[in-house]
PDB file of N, CA and C in Angstrom:
ATOM      1  N   UNK A   1      86.251  91.156  72.473  1.00  0.00           N
ATOM      2  CA  UNK A   1      87.677  91.585  72.317  1.00  0.00           C
ATOM      3  C   UNK A   1      88.204  90.181  71.257  1.00  0.00           C
ATOM      4  N   UNK A   2      88.611  90.461  70.557  1.00  0.00           N
ATOM      5  CA  UNK A   2      89.181  89.363  69.646  1.00  0.00           C
ATOM      6  C   UNK A   2      90.655  89.241  70.361  1.00  0.00           C
ATOM      7  N   UNK A   3      91.152  87.922  69.602  1.00  0.00           N
ATOM      8  CA  UNK A   3      92.928  87.796  70.225  1.00  0.00           C
ATOM      9  C   UNK A   3      93.715  89.081  69.563  1.00  0.00           C
ATOM     10  N   UNK A   4      93.395  89.441  68.200  1.00  0.00           N
ATOM     11  CA  UNK A   4      94.053  90.598  67.928  1.00  0.00           C
ATOM     12  C   UNK A   4      94.193  91.598  68.721  1.00  0.00           C
ATOM     13  N   UNK A   5      93.148  92.312  69.270  1.00  0.00           N
ATOM     14  CA  UNK A   5      93.192  93.608  69.917  1.00  0.00           C
ATOM     15  C   UNK A   5      93.910  93.114  70.953  1.00  0.00           C
ATOM     16  N   UNK A   6      93.885  91.849  71.486  1.00  0.00           N
ATOM     17  CA  UNK A   6      94.466  91.427  72.930  1.00  0.00           C
ATOM     18  C   UNK A   6      96.015  91.551  72.928  1.00  0.00           C
ATOM     19  N   UNK A   7      96.424  90.880  71.662  1.00  0.00           N
ATOM     20  CA  UNK A   7      97.700  91.156  71.020  1.00  0.00           C
ATOM     21  C   UNK A   7      98.332  92.849  71.244  1.00  0.00           C
ATOM     22  N   UNK A   8      97.538  93.369  70.805  1.00  0.00           N
ATOM     23  CA  UNK A   8      97.915  94.635  70.713  1.00  0.00           C
ATOM     24  C   UNK A   8      98.092  95.521  71.792  1.00  0.00           C
ATOM     25  N   UNK A   9      97.026  95.142  72.963  1.00  0.00           N
ATOM     26  CA  UNK A   9      97.284  95.688  74.257  1.00  0.00           C
ATOM     27  C   UNK A   9      98.379  94.714  74.727  1.00  0.00           C
ATOM     28  N   UNK A  10      98.701  93.838  74.738  1.00  0.00           N
ATOM     29  CA  UNK A  10      99.925  93.369  75.099  1.00  0.00           C
ATOM     30  C   UNK A  10     101.384  93.746  74.755  1.00  0.00           C
ATOM     31  N   UNK A  11     101.323  94.323  73.296  1.00  0.00           N
ATOM     32  CA  UNK A  11     102.329  94.797  72.907  1.00  0.00           C
ATOM     33  C   UNK A  11     102.512  96.129  73.473  1.00  0.00           C
ATOM     34  N   UNK A  12     101.641  96.837  73.763  1.00  0.00           N
ATOM     35  CA  UNK A  12     101.505  98.375  74.336  1.00  0.00           C
ATOM     36  C   UNK A  12     102.022  98.209  75.525  1.00  0.00           C
ATOM     37  N   UNK A  13     101.431  97.378  76.674  1.00  0.00           N
ATOM     38  CA  UNK A  13     101.840  96.876  78.089  1.00  0.00           C
ATOM     39  C   UNK A  13     103.359  96.448  77.802  1.00  0.00           C
ATOM     40  N   UNK A  14     103.838  96.176  77.130  1.00  0.00           N
ATOM     41  CA  UNK A  14     105.188  95.561  77.092  1.00  0.00           C
ATOM     42  C   UNK A  14     106.226  96.694  76.666  1.00  0.00           C
ATOM     43  N   UNK A  15     105.848  97.635  75.682  1.00  0.00           N
ATOM     44  CA  UNK A  15     106.507  98.855  75.627  1.00  0.00           C
ATOM     45  C   UNK A  15     106.541  99.370  76.934  1.00  0.00           C
ATOM     46  N   UNK A  16     105.505  99.981  77.239  1.00  0.00           N
ATOM     47  CA  UNK A  16     105.278 100.791  78.483  1.00  0.00           C
ATOM     48  C   UNK A  16     106.205 100.384  79.780  1.00  0.00           C
ATOM     49  N   UNK A  17     106.257  98.945  79.876  1.00  0.00           N
ATOM     50  CA  UNK A  17     106.749  98.471  80.939  1.00  0.00           C
ATOM     51  C   UNK A  17     108.522  98.432  80.621  1.00  0.00           C
ATOM     52  N   UNK A  18     108.626  98.417  79.354  1.00  0.00           N
ATOM     53  CA  UNK A  18     110.414  98.225  78.952  1.00  0.00           C
ATOM     54  C   UNK A  18     110.825  99.584  79.359  1.00  0.00           C
ATOM     55  N   UNK A  19     110.057 100.447  78.791  1.00  0.00           N
ATOM     56  CA  UNK A  19     110.418 102.085  78.701  1.00  0.00           C
ATOM     57  C   UNK A  19     110.449 102.229  80.217  1.00  0.00           C
ATOM     58  N   UNK A  20     109.959 101.787  80.941  1.00  0.00           N
ATOM     59  CA  UNK A  20     109.971 102.281  82.571  1.00  0.00           C
ATOM     60  C   UNK A  20     111.148 101.560  83.123  1.00  0.00           C
ATOM     61  N   UNK A  21     111.463 100.025  82.533  1.00  0.00           N
ATOM     62  CA  UNK A  21     112.740  99.825  82.780  1.00  0.00           C
ATOM     63  C   UNK A  21     114.060 100.478  82.462  1.00  0.00           C
ATOM     64  N   UNK A  22     113.660 100.736  81.191  1.00  0.00           N
ATOM     65  CA  UNK A  22     115.087 101.599  80.751  1.00  0.00           C
ATOM     66  C   UNK A  22     115.244 103.141  81.489  1.00  0.00           C
ATOM     67  N   UNK A  23     114.087 103.544  81.723  1.00  0.00           N
ATOM     68  CA  UNK A  23     114.094 104.764  82.526  1.00  0.00           C
ATOM     69  C   UNK A  23     114.628 104.840  83.856  1.00  0.00           C
ATOM     70  N   UNK A  24     114.205 103.815  84.535  1.00  0.00           N
ATOM     71  CA  UNK A  24     114.858 103.234  85.782  1.00  0.00           C
ATOM     72  C   UNK A  24     115.998 102.803  85.690  1.00  0.00           C
ATOM     73  N   UNK A  25     116.740 102.032  84.775  1.00  0.00           N
ATOM     74  CA  UNK A  25     118.139 101.903  84.767  1.00  0.00           C
ATOM     75  C   UNK A  25     119.130 103.139  84.276  1.00  0.00           C
ATOM     76  N   UNK A  26     118.496 103.794  83.283  1.00  0.00           N
ATOM     77  CA  UNK A  26     119.425 104.747  82.805  1.00  0.00           C
ATOM     78  C   UNK A  26     119.672 106.022  83.729  1.00  0.00           C
ATOM     79  N   UNK A  27     118.539 106.562  84.374  1.00  0.00           N
ATOM     80  CA  UNK A  27     118.413 107.877  85.134  1.00  0.00           C
ATOM     81  C   UNK A  27     118.765 107.937  86.329  1.00  0.00           C
ATOM     82  N   UNK A  28     119.618 108.673  87.142  1.00  0.00           N
ATOM     83  CA  UNK A  28     119.998 108.571  88.272  1.00  0.00           C
ATOM     84  C   UNK A  28     119.454 109.628  89.124  1.00  0.00           C
ATOM     85  N   UNK A  29     118.489 110.518  88.556  1.00  0.00           N
ATOM     86  CA  UNK A  29     117.826 111.192  89.413  1.00  0.00           C
ATOM     87  C   UNK A  29     116.446 110.668  89.979  1.00  0.00           C
ATOM     88  N   UNK A  30     116.382 110.656  91.200  1.00  0.00           N
ATOM     89  CA  UNK A  30     115.394 110.196  92.170  1.00  0.00           C
ATOM     90  C   UNK A  30     113.891 110.232  91.581  1.00  0.00           C
ATOM     91  N   UNK A  31     113.529 111.519  90.764  1.00  0.00           N
ATOM     92  CA  UNK A  31     112.240 111.518  90.132  1.00  0.00           C
ATOM     93  C   UNK A  31     112.115 111.004  89.077  1.00  0.00           C
ATOM     94  N   UNK A  32     113.002 110.712  88.362  1.00  0.00           N
ATOM     95  CA  UNK A  32     112.819 109.816  87.201  1.00  0.00           C
ATOM     96  C   UNK A  32     113.031 108.592  87.326  1.00  0.00           C
ATOM     97  N   UNK A  33     113.731 108.272  88.479  1.00  0.00           N
ATOM     98  CA  UNK A  33     113.483 106.548  88.794  1.00  0.00           C
ATOM     99  C   UNK A  33     111.673 106.225  89.482  1.00  0.00           C
ATOM    100  N   UNK A  34     111.215 107.476  90.130  1.00  0.00           N
ATOM    101  CA  UNK A  34     109.709 107.070  90.531  1.00  0.00           C
ATOM    102  C   UNK A  34     108.969 106.760  88.887  1.00  0.00           C
ATOM    103  N   UNK A  35     108.962 107.854  88.355  1.00  0.00           N
ATOM    104  CA  UNK A  35     108.686 107.613  86.932  1.00  0.00           C
ATOM    105  C   UNK A  35     108.567 106.705  86.123  1.00  0.00           C
ATOM    106  N   UNK A  36     109.834 105.975  86.072  1.00  0.00           N
ATOM    107  CA  UNK A  36     110.191 104.791  85.465  1.00  0.00           C
ATOM    108  C   UNK A  36     109.417 103.501  86.504  1.00  0.00           C
ATOM    109  N   UNK A  37     109.365 103.590  87.566  1.00  0.00           N
ATOM    110  CA  UNK A  37     108.589 102.921  88.471  1.00  0.00           C
ATOM    111  C   UNK A  37     107.110 102.850  87.925  1.00  0.00           C
ATOM    112  N   UNK A  38     106.653 103.733  88.291  1.00  0.00           N
ATOM    113  CA  UNK A  38     104.976 104.359  87.682  1.00  0.00           C
ATOM    114  C   UNK A  38     104.855 103.908  86.383  1.00  0.00           C
ATOM    115  N   UNK A  39     105.899 103.797  85.347  1.00  0.00           N
ATOM    116  CA  UNK A  39     105.469 103.356  84.247  1.00  0.00           C
ATOM    117  C   UNK A  39     105.282 101.780  84.029  1.00  0.00           C
ATOM    118  N   UNK A  40     106.386 101.162  84.479  1.00  0.00           N
ATOM    119  CA  UNK A  40     106.183  99.631  84.763  1.00  0.00           C
ATOM    120  C   UNK A  40     105.016  99.227  85.518  1.00  0.00           C
ATOM    121  N   UNK A  41     104.533 100.086  86.655  1.00  0.00           N
ATOM    122  CA  UNK A  41     103.237  99.679  87.174  1.00  0.00           C
ATOM    123  C   UNK A  41     102.271  99.753  86.263  1.00  0.00           C
ATOM    124  N   UNK A  42     101.874 100.913  85.416  1.00  0.00           N
ATOM    125  CA  UNK A  42     101.281 101.142  84.541  1.00  0.00           C
ATOM    126  C   UNK A  42     101.121  99.780  83.146  1.00  0.00           C
ATOM    127  N   UNK A  43     102.414  99.582  82.701  1.00  0.00           N
ATOM    128  CA  UNK A  43     102.181  98.505  81.741  1.00  0.00           C
ATOM    129  C   UNK A  43     101.529  97.197  82.636  1.00  0.00           C
ATOM    130  N   UNK A  44     101.880  97.027  83.782  1.00  0.00           N
ATOM    131  CA  UNK A  44     101.121  95.540  84.547  1.00  0.00           C
ATOM    132  C   UNK A  44      99.551  95.857  84.445  1.00  0.00           C
ATOM    133  N   UNK A  45      99.039  97.260  84.636  1.00  0.00           N
ATOM    134  CA  UNK A  45      97.630  97.692  84.892  1.00  0.00           C
ATOM    135  C   UNK A  45      97.279  97.266  83.592  1.00  0.00           C
ATOM    136  N   UNK A  46      97.801  97.671  82.367  1.00  0.00           N
ATOM    137  CA  UNK A  46      97.266  97.455  80.936  1.00  0.00           C
ATOM    138  C   UNK A  46      97.035  95.897  80.734  1.00  0.00           C
ATOM    139  N   UNK A  47      97.862  95.252  81.138  1.00  0.00           N
ATOM    140  CA  UNK A  47      97.699  93.728  80.949  1.00  0.00           C
ATOM    141  C   UNK A  47      96.823  93.216  81.902  1.00  0.00           C
ATOM    142  N   UNK A  48      96.515  93.580  83.304  1.00  0.00           N
ATOM    143  CA  UNK A  48      95.548  93.155  83.856  1.00  0.00           C
ATOM    144  C   UNK A  48      94.037  93.740  83.387  1.00  0.00           C
ATOM    145  N   UNK A  49      93.783  94.766  82.832  1.00  0.00           N
ATOM    146  CA  UNK A  49      92.559  95.275  82.573  1.00  0.00           C
ATOM    147  C   UNK A  49      92.491  94.584  81.082  1.00  0.00           C
ATOM    148  N   UNK A  50      93.333  94.301  80.113  1.00  0.00           N
ATOM    149  CA  UNK A  50      93.311  93.559  78.993  1.00  0.00           C
ATOM    150  C   UNK A  50      93.063  92.099  78.979  1.00  0.00           C
ATOM    151  N   UNK A  51      93.377  91.390  79.795  1.00  0.00           N
ATOM    152  CA  UNK A  51      93.113  89.867  80.369  1.00  0.00           C
ATOM    153  C   UNK A  51      91.819  90.030  80.876  1.00  0.00           C
ATOM    154  N   UNK A  52      91.322  90.924  81.457  1.00  0.00           N
ATOM    155  CA  UNK A  52      90.157  90.987  81.951  1.00  0.00           C
ATOM    156  C   UNK A  52      88.958  91.178  81.391  1.00  0.00           C
ATOM    157  N   UNK A  53      89.182  91.981  80.285  1.00  0.00           N
ATOM    158  CA  UNK A  53      88.308  92.457  79.174  1.00  0.00           C
ATOM    159  C   UNK A  53      88.318  90.961  78.292  1.00  0.00           C
ATOM    160  N   UNK A  54      89.414  90.120  77.983  1.00  0.00           N
ATOM    161  CA  UNK A  54      89.377  89.013  77.267  1.00  0.00           C
ATOM    162  C   UNK A  54      88.800  88.172  77.652  1.00  0.00           C
ATOM    163  N   UNK A  55      88.493  87.723  79.236  1.00  0.00           N
ATOM    164  CA  UNK A  55      87.901  86.880  79.770  1.00  0.00           C
ATOM    165  C   UNK A  55      86.608  87.048  80.327  1.00  0.00           C
ATOM    166  N   UNK A  56      85.973  88.608  80.195  1.00  0.00           N
ATOM    167  CA  UNK A  56      84.917  88.846  80.422  1.00  0.00           C
ATOM    168  C   UNK A  56      84.252  88.961  82.060  1.00  0.00           C
ATOM    169  N   UNK A  57      85.304  89.049  82.614  1.00  0.00           N
ATOM    170  CA  UNK A  57      85.238  89.120  84.025  1.00  0.00           C
ATOM    171  C   UNK A  57      85.629  90.425  84.755  1.00  0.00           C
ATOM    172  N   UNK A  58      85.519  90.934  85.440  1.00  0.00           N
ATOM    173  CA  UNK A  58      85.668  92.157  86.172  1.00  0.00           C
ATOM    174  C   UNK A  58      87.011  92.251  87.332  1.00  0.00           C
ATOM    175  N   UNK A  59      87.594  90.515  87.469  1.00  0.00           N
ATOM    176  CA  UNK A  59      88.466  90.882  88.341  1.00  0.00           C
ATOM    177  C   UNK A  59      90.151  91.607  88.004  1.00  0.00           C
ATOM    178  N   UNK A  60      90.175  91.486  86.787  1.00  0.00           N
ATOM    179  CA  UNK A  60      91.484  92.330  86.229  1.00  0.00           C
ATOM    180  C   UNK A  60      91.251  93.599  86.569  1.00  0.00           C
ATOM    181  N   UNK A  61      90.126  94.283  85.888  1.00  0.00           N
ATOM    182  CA  UNK A  61      90.013  95.918  86.474  1.00  0.00           C
ATOM    183  C   UNK A  61      90.010  95.992  87.680  1.00  0.00           C
ATOM    184  N   UNK A  62      89.490  95.228  88.799  1.00  0.00           N
ATOM    185  CA  UNK A  62      89.270  95.626  90.149  1.00  0.00           C
ATOM    186  C   UNK A  62      90.786  95.571  90.266  1.00  0.00           C
ATOM    187  N   UNK A  63      91.598  94.659  90.193  1.00  0.00           N
ATOM    188  CA  UNK A  63      93.038  94.391  90.631  1.00  0.00           C
ATOM    189  C   UNK A  63      93.652  95.628  89.948  1.00  0.00           C
ATOM    190  N   UNK A  64      93.569  95.901  88.693  1.00  0.00           N
ATOM    191  CA  UNK A  64      94.139  97.090  88.001  1.00  0.00           C
ATOM    192  C   UNK A  64      93.829  98.669  89.014  1.00  0.00           C
ATOM    193  N   UNK A  65      92.397  98.806  89.269  1.00  0.00           N
ATOM    194  CA  UNK A  65      92.095  99.905  90.342  1.00  0.00           C
ATOM    195  C   UNK A  65      92.649  99.821  91.494  1.00  0.00           C
ATOM    196  N   UNK A  66      92.684  98.719  92.235  1.00  0.00           N
ATOM    197  CA  UNK A  66      93.595  98.498  93.388  1.00  0.00           C
ATOM    198  C   UNK A  66      94.903  98.731  93.098  1.00  0.00           C
ATOM    199  N   UNK A  67      95.553  98.405  92.436  1.00  0.00           N
ATOM    200  CA  UNK A  67      96.987  98.852  91.701  1.00  0.00           C
ATOM    201  C   UNK A  67      97.251 100.112  91.716  1.00  0.00           C
ATOM    202  N   UNK A  68      96.603 100.794  90.830  1.00  0.00           N
ATOM    203  CA  UNK A  68      96.514 102.383  90.676  1.00  0.00           C
ATOM    204  C   UNK A  68      96.440 102.900  92.213  1.00  0.00           C
ATOM    205  N   UNK A  69      95.581 102.613  92.985  1.00  0.00           N
ATOM    206  CA  UNK A  69      95.492 103.057  94.318  1.00  0.00           C
ATOM    207  C   UNK A  69      96.859 103.000  94.970  1.00  0.00           C
ATOM    208  N   UNK A  70      97.289 101.917  95.199  1.00  0.00           N
ATOM    209  CA  UNK A  70      98.356 101.761  95.758  1.00  0.00           C
ATOM    210  C   UNK A  70      99.487 102.224  95.483  1.00  0.00           C
ATOM    211  N   UNK A  71      99.461 102.614  94.013  1.00  0.00           N
ATOM    212  CA  UNK A  71     100.736 103.433  93.487  1.00  0.00           C
ATOM    213  C   UNK A  71     100.730 104.781  93.661  1.00  0.00           C
ATOM    214  N   UNK A  72      99.373 105.375  93.744  1.00  0.00           N
ATOM    215  CA  UNK A  72      99.301 106.849  94.009  1.00  0.00           C
ATOM    216  C   UNK A  72      99.833 106.827  95.573  1.00  0.00           C
ATOM    217  N   UNK A  73      99.496 105.818  96.534  1.00  0.00           N
ATOM    218  CA  UNK A  73      99.973 105.919  97.768  1.00  0.00           C
ATOM    219  C   UNK A  73     101.677 105.810  98.164  1.00  0.00           C
ATOM    220  N   UNK A  74     102.012 105.054  97.165  1.00  0.00           N
ATOM    221  CA  UNK A  74     103.284 104.757  97.153  1.00  0.00           C
ATOM    222  C   UNK A  74     104.358 106.099  96.467  1.00  0.00           C
ATOM    223  N   UNK A  75     103.661 106.414  95.396  1.00  0.00           N
ATOM    224  CA  UNK A  75     104.340 107.630  95.017  1.00  0.00           C
ATOM    225  C   UNK A  75     104.143 108.894  95.832  1.00  0.00           C
ATOM    226  N   UNK A  76     103.166 109.135  96.400  1.00  0.00           N
ATOM    227  CA  UNK A  76     102.817 110.220  97.540  1.00  0.00           C
ATOM    228  C   UNK A  76     103.955 110.075  98.635  1.00  0.00           C
ATOM    229  N   UNK A  77     104.027 109.031  99.115  1.00  0.00           N
ATOM    230  CA  UNK A  77     105.066 108.547 100.123  1.00  0.00           C
ATOM    231  C   UNK A  77     106.457 108.774  99.669  1.00  0.00           C
ATOM    232  N   UNK A  78     106.678 108.359  98.604  1.00  0.00           N
ATOM    233  CA  UNK A  78     108.360 108.904  97.979  1.00  0.00           C
ATOM    234  C   UNK A  78     108.436 110.091  97.650  1.00  0.00           C
ATOM    235  N   UNK A  79     107.556 110.629  97.166  1.00  0.00           N
ATOM    236  CA  UNK A  79     107.702 112.305  97.307  1.00  0.00           C
ATOM    237  C   UNK A  79     108.185 112.918  98.433  1.00  0.00           C
ATOM    238  N   UNK A  80     107.229 112.668  99.316  1.00  0.00           N
ATOM    239  CA  UNK A  80     107.466 113.085 100.393  1.00  0.00           C
ATOM    240  C   UNK A  80     108.734 112.873 101.428  1.00  0.00           C
ATOM    241  N   UNK A  81     109.384 111.418 100.854  1.00  0.00           N
ATOM    242  CA  UNK A  81     110.819 111.306 101.362  1.00  0.00           C
ATOM    243  C   UNK A  81     111.553 111.995 100.848  1.00  0.00           C
ATOM    244  N   UNK A  82     111.770 111.894  99.280  1.00  0.00           N
ATOM    245  CA  UNK A  82     112.595 112.821  98.322  1.00  0.00           C
ATOM    246  C   UNK A  82     112.651 113.946  99.062  1.00  0.00           C
ATOM    247  N   UNK A  83     111.411 114.458  98.997  1.00  0.00           N
ATOM    248  CA  UNK A  83     111.661 116.197  99.657  1.00  0.00           C
ATOM    249  C   UNK A  83     112.150 116.490 100.684  1.00  0.00           C
ATOM    250  N   UNK A  84     112.217 115.449 101.821  1.00  0.00           N
ATOM    251  CA  UNK A  84     112.774 115.676 102.957  1.00  0.00           C
ATOM    252  C   UNK A  84     114.147 115.671 102.583  1.00  0.00           C
ATOM    253  N   UNK A  85     114.327 114.349 101.776  1.00  0.00           N
ATOM    254  CA  UNK A  85     116.150 114.126 101.950  1.00  0.00           C
ATOM    255  C   UNK A  85     116.698 115.481 101.077  1.00  0.00           C
ATOM    256  N   UNK A  86     115.965 115.930  99.898  1.00  0.00           N
ATOM    257  CA  UNK A  86     116.478 117.224  99.381  1.00  0.00           C
ATOM    258  C   UNK A  86     116.474 118.399  99.913  1.00  0.00           C
ATOM    259  N   UNK A  87     115.597 118.436 101.115  1.00  0.00           N
ATOM    260  CA  UNK A  87     115.832 119.490 101.877  1.00  0.00           C
ATOM    261  C   UNK A  87     117.197 119.696 102.757  1.00  0.00           C
ATOM    262  N   UNK A  88     117.262 118.246 103.287  1.00  0.00           N
ATOM    263  CA  UNK A  88     118.811 118.324 104.359  1.00  0.00           C
ATOM    264  C   UNK A  88     119.909 118.154 103.335  1.00  0.00           C
ATOM    265  N   UNK A  89     119.844 117.661 102.423  1.00  0.00           N
ATOM    266  CA  UNK A  89     120.838 117.266 101.735  1.00  0.00           C
ATOM    267  C   UNK A  89     121.432 118.206 100.447  1.00  0.00           C
ATOM    268  N   UNK A  90     120.164 118.297  99.659  1.00  0.00           N
ATOM    269  CA  UNK A  90     120.159 119.330  98.511  1.00  0.00           C
ATOM    270  C   UNK A  90     120.783 118.536  97.236  1.00  0.00           C
ATOM    271  N   UNK A  91     120.544 117.226  97.442  1.00  0.00           N
ATOM    272  CA  UNK A  91     120.955 116.353  96.460  1.00  0.00           C
ATOM    273  C   UNK A  91     119.831 115.496  95.820  1.00  0.00           C
ATOM    274  N   UNK A  92     119.512 115.358  94.796  1.00  0.00           N
ATOM    275  CA  UNK A  92     118.467 114.396  94.303  1.00  0.00           C
ATOM    276  C   UNK A  92     118.985 113.184  93.270  1.00  0.00           C
ATOM    277  N   UNK A  93     120.418 113.696  93.033  1.00  0.00           N
ATOM    278  CA  UNK A  93     120.794 112.518  92.345  1.00  0.00           C
ATOM    279  C   UNK A  93     121.126 111.057  93.103  1.00  0.00           C
ATOM    280  N   UNK A  94     120.535 110.025  93.103  1.00  0.00           N
ATOM    281  CA  UNK A  94     121.233 108.974  93.600  1.00  0.00           C
ATOM    282  C   UNK A  94     122.757 108.204  93.901  1.00  0.00           C
ATOM    283  N   UNK A  95     123.445 108.855  93.125  1.00  0.00           N
ATOM    284  CA  UNK A  95     124.632 108.593  93.106  1.00  0.00           C
ATOM    285  C   UNK A  95     125.351 109.171  93.848  1.00  0.00           C
ATOM    286  N   UNK A  96     125.243 110.509  94.413  1.00  0.00           N
ATOM    287  CA  UNK A  96     125.731 111.298  94.981  1.00  0.00           C
ATOM    288  C   UNK A  96     125.010 111.129  96.502  1.00  0.00           C
ATOM    289  N   UNK A  97     123.963 110.467  96.899  1.00  0.00           N
ATOM    290  CA  UNK A  97     122.995 110.302  98.022  1.00  0.00           C
ATOM    291  C   UNK A  97     123.894 109.328  98.606  1.00  0.00           C
ATOM    292  N   UNK A  98     124.556 109.615  99.212  1.00  0.00           N
ATOM    293  CA  UNK A  98     125.505 108.148  99.991  1.00  0.00           C
ATOM    294  C   UNK A  98     124.681 108.371 101.702  1.00  0.00           C
ATOM    295  N   UNK A  99     124.056 109.269 101.978  1.00  0.00           N
ATOM    296  CA  UNK A  99     123.934 109.018 103.524  1.00  0.00           C
ATOM    297  C   UNK A  99     122.444 109.682 103.842  1.00  0.00           C
ATOM    298  N   UNK A 100     121.627 108.890 104.297  1.00  0.00           N
ATOM    299  CA  UNK A 100     120.281 109.019 104.406  1.00  0.00           C
ATOM    300  C   UNK A 100     120.165 109.897 105.915  1.00  0.00           C
ATOM    301  N   UNK A 101     120.399 109.513 106.629  1.00  0.00           N
ATOM    302  CA  UNK A 101     120.279 109.893 108.343  1.00  0.00           C
ATOM    303  C   UNK A 101     121.432 111.105 108.612  1.00  0.00           C
ATOM    304  N   UNK A 102     120.610 111.578 109.860  1.00  0.00           N
ATOM    305  CA  UNK A 102     121.273 112.957 110.125  1.00  0.00           C
ATOM    306  C   UNK A 102     121.733 113.993 109.244  1.00  0.00           C
TER     307      UNK A 102
END
């Protein structure tokens, strides 16, 4: 991989990460916030994989796969928590959600 391709991958990662930040900041629905966090993590994974490809080792790709596995676990737990909150309070907007317990 030459440096020009690495630059394109870094631009792509920055765009995806920025989109994730934008979604996380502007949306108040809990599902969209999770999607924004997922976008930010995928941007970081692109950076890890592209630097790994540029470096010639597989360490970055291994870290990216490890981060993907952790992200899947995090999203499944967060969705389970959100479903339980929605069952109890019928609210998915984070601004309206003032009390989690009871």
